């Protein structure tokens, strides 16, 4: 199944939006706490992935 052919419900769109906003907040905080954007992305990715694993 290709992702383009999925019918997104309002709940799915809301969930995706919340995930993006959460990642954005994590990244902004990581940028304040690190010296480089690359390091900030690595930290934000790590935290976000762990949060998703815990929520399963």
N, C-alpha and C. Protein backbone atom coordinates (compact mmCIF):
# COMPACT_ATOMS: atom_id res chain seq x y z
N UNK A 1 0.85 -1.18 0.00
CA UNK A 1 0.00 0.00 0.00
C UNK A 1 0.89 1.24 0.00
N UNK A 2 0.56 2.19 -0.83
CA UNK A 2 1.32 3.43 -0.90
C UNK A 2 0.66 4.47 -0.01
N UNK A 3 1.49 5.27 0.64
CA UNK A 3 0.99 6.26 1.59
C UNK A 3 0.10 7.31 0.91
N UNK A 4 0.32 7.56 -0.38
CA UNK A 4 -0.49 8.56 -1.09
C UNK A 4 -1.95 8.13 -1.20
N UNK A 5 -2.21 6.84 -1.10
CA UNK A 5 -3.55 6.32 -1.30
C UNK A 5 -4.32 6.13 0.00
N UNK A 6 -3.74 6.54 1.10
CA UNK A 6 -4.42 6.40 2.39
C UNK A 6 -5.39 7.56 2.56
N UNK A 7 -6.59 7.26 3.03
CA UNK A 7 -7.56 8.30 3.36
C UNK A 7 -7.33 8.69 4.82
N UNK A 8 -6.92 9.92 5.02
CA UNK A 8 -6.63 10.39 6.37
C UNK A 8 -7.89 10.92 7.03
N UNK A 9 -8.17 10.41 8.22
CA UNK A 9 -9.30 10.92 8.99
C UNK A 9 -8.86 12.16 9.74
N UNK A 10 -9.81 12.91 10.25
CA UNK A 10 -9.49 14.11 11.02
C UNK A 10 -8.63 13.76 12.23
N UNK A 11 -8.89 12.61 12.85
CA UNK A 11 -8.12 12.19 14.01
C UNK A 11 -6.67 11.88 13.63
N UNK A 12 -6.47 11.28 12.46
CA UNK A 12 -5.12 10.98 11.99
C UNK A 12 -4.35 12.26 11.72
N UNK A 13 -4.99 13.20 11.07
CA UNK A 13 -4.35 14.48 10.76
C UNK A 13 -4.00 15.20 12.06
N UNK A 14 -4.90 15.19 13.03
CA UNK A 14 -4.64 15.83 14.32
C UNK A 14 -3.46 15.16 15.02
N UNK A 15 -3.41 13.84 14.99
CA UNK A 15 -2.31 13.11 15.61
C UNK A 15 -0.98 13.42 14.96
N UNK A 16 -0.96 13.49 13.63
CA UNK A 16 0.26 13.85 12.92
C UNK A 16 0.70 15.26 13.26
N UNK A 17 -0.25 16.17 13.33
CA UNK A 17 0.05 17.56 13.67
C UNK A 17 0.64 17.65 15.07
N UNK A 18 0.05 16.92 16.02
CA UNK A 18 0.58 16.92 17.38
C UNK A 18 1.99 16.36 17.43
N UNK A 19 2.26 15.33 16.65
CA UNK A 19 3.60 14.75 16.60
C UNK A 19 4.62 15.76 16.06
N UNK A 20 4.23 16.47 15.02
CA UNK A 20 5.13 17.48 14.44
C UNK A 20 5.39 18.60 15.44
N UNK A 21 4.37 19.04 16.12
CA UNK A 21 4.53 20.11 17.10
C UNK A 21 5.41 19.66 18.27
N UNK A 22 5.26 18.43 18.69
CA UNK A 22 6.08 17.88 19.77
C UNK A 22 7.54 17.82 19.33
N UNK A 23 7.79 17.32 18.12
CA UNK A 23 9.17 17.25 17.62
C UNK A 23 9.75 18.65 17.52
N UNK A 24 8.98 19.60 17.05
CA UNK A 24 9.46 20.98 16.92
C UNK A 24 9.86 21.54 18.28
N UNK A 25 9.06 21.29 19.30
CA UNK A 25 9.39 21.77 20.65
C UNK A 25 10.67 21.10 21.16
N UNK A 26 10.80 19.80 20.93
CA UNK A 26 12.02 19.10 21.35
C UNK A 26 13.24 19.67 20.64
N UNK A 27 13.12 19.92 19.35
CA UNK A 27 14.24 20.43 18.56
C UNK A 27 14.63 21.84 19.02
N UNK A 28 13.65 22.69 19.26
CA UNK A 28 13.95 24.04 19.72
C UNK A 28 14.69 24.02 21.04
N UNK A 29 14.27 23.16 21.95
CA UNK A 29 14.94 23.05 23.24
C UNK A 29 16.34 22.49 23.07
N UNK A 30 16.48 21.49 22.23
CA UNK A 30 17.80 20.89 21.99
C UNK A 30 18.76 21.91 21.38
N UNK A 31 18.26 22.78 20.52
CA UNK A 31 19.11 23.81 19.92
C UNK A 31 19.63 24.79 20.97
N UNK A 32 18.83 25.04 22.00
CA UNK A 32 19.25 25.92 23.09
C UNK A 32 20.35 25.28 23.93
N UNK A 33 20.35 23.95 23.97
CA UNK A 33 21.25 23.23 24.86
C UNK A 33 22.49 22.67 24.18
N UNK A 34 22.62 22.83 22.88
CA UNK A 34 23.75 22.25 22.16
C UNK A 34 24.48 23.33 21.35
N UNK A 35 25.67 22.96 20.89
CA UNK A 35 26.50 23.89 20.14
C UNK A 35 26.24 23.85 18.63
N UNK A 36 25.65 22.76 18.14
CA UNK A 36 25.45 22.64 16.69
C UNK A 36 24.05 22.13 16.38
N UNK A 37 23.59 22.47 15.18
CA UNK A 37 22.27 21.98 14.75
C UNK A 37 22.28 20.47 14.60
N UNK A 38 23.37 19.91 14.12
CA UNK A 38 23.44 18.46 13.94
C UNK A 38 23.25 17.74 15.28
N UNK A 39 23.92 18.22 16.30
CA UNK A 39 23.78 17.62 17.63
C UNK A 39 22.36 17.79 18.15
N UNK A 40 21.77 18.94 17.90
CA UNK A 40 20.39 19.19 18.33
C UNK A 40 19.43 18.21 17.67
N UNK A 41 19.59 17.99 16.36
CA UNK A 41 18.74 17.03 15.65
C UNK A 41 18.92 15.62 16.18
N UNK A 42 20.16 15.25 16.48
CA UNK A 42 20.42 13.91 17.02
C UNK A 42 19.72 13.71 18.36
N UNK A 43 19.80 14.72 19.22
CA UNK A 43 19.15 14.62 20.53
C UNK A 43 17.63 14.59 20.37
N UNK A 44 17.10 15.49 19.55
CA UNK A 44 15.64 15.53 19.34
C UNK A 44 15.14 14.22 18.76
N UNK A 45 15.87 13.66 17.81
CA UNK A 45 15.49 12.37 17.22
C UNK A 45 15.47 11.27 18.28
N UNK A 46 16.52 11.24 19.08
CA UNK A 46 16.63 10.22 20.12
C UNK A 46 15.47 10.31 21.11
N UNK A 47 15.20 11.50 21.59
CA UNK A 47 14.12 11.69 22.56
C UNK A 47 12.77 11.36 21.94
N UNK A 48 12.53 11.83 20.72
CA UNK A 48 11.26 11.59 20.05
C UNK A 48 11.03 10.10 19.82
N UNK A 49 12.07 9.40 19.34
CA UNK A 49 11.94 7.96 19.11
C UNK A 49 11.63 7.21 20.41
N UNK A 50 12.31 7.60 21.49
CA UNK A 50 12.03 6.95 22.78
C UNK A 50 10.63 7.23 23.27
N UNK A 51 10.13 8.44 23.04
CA UNK A 51 8.76 8.76 23.44
C UNK A 51 7.76 7.94 22.65
N UNK A 52 8.03 7.74 21.37
CA UNK A 52 7.13 6.94 20.54
C UNK A 52 7.15 5.47 20.98
N UNK A 53 8.33 4.95 21.34
CA UNK A 53 8.42 3.57 21.81
C UNK A 53 7.64 3.39 23.10
N UNK A 54 7.76 4.33 24.01
CA UNK A 54 7.07 4.25 25.30
C UNK A 54 5.56 4.32 25.11
N UNK A 55 5.12 5.13 24.14
CA UNK A 55 3.67 5.29 23.94
C UNK A 55 3.01 4.08 23.32
N UNK A 56 3.82 3.18 22.72
CA UNK A 56 3.26 1.95 22.11
C UNK A 56 2.79 1.07 23.21
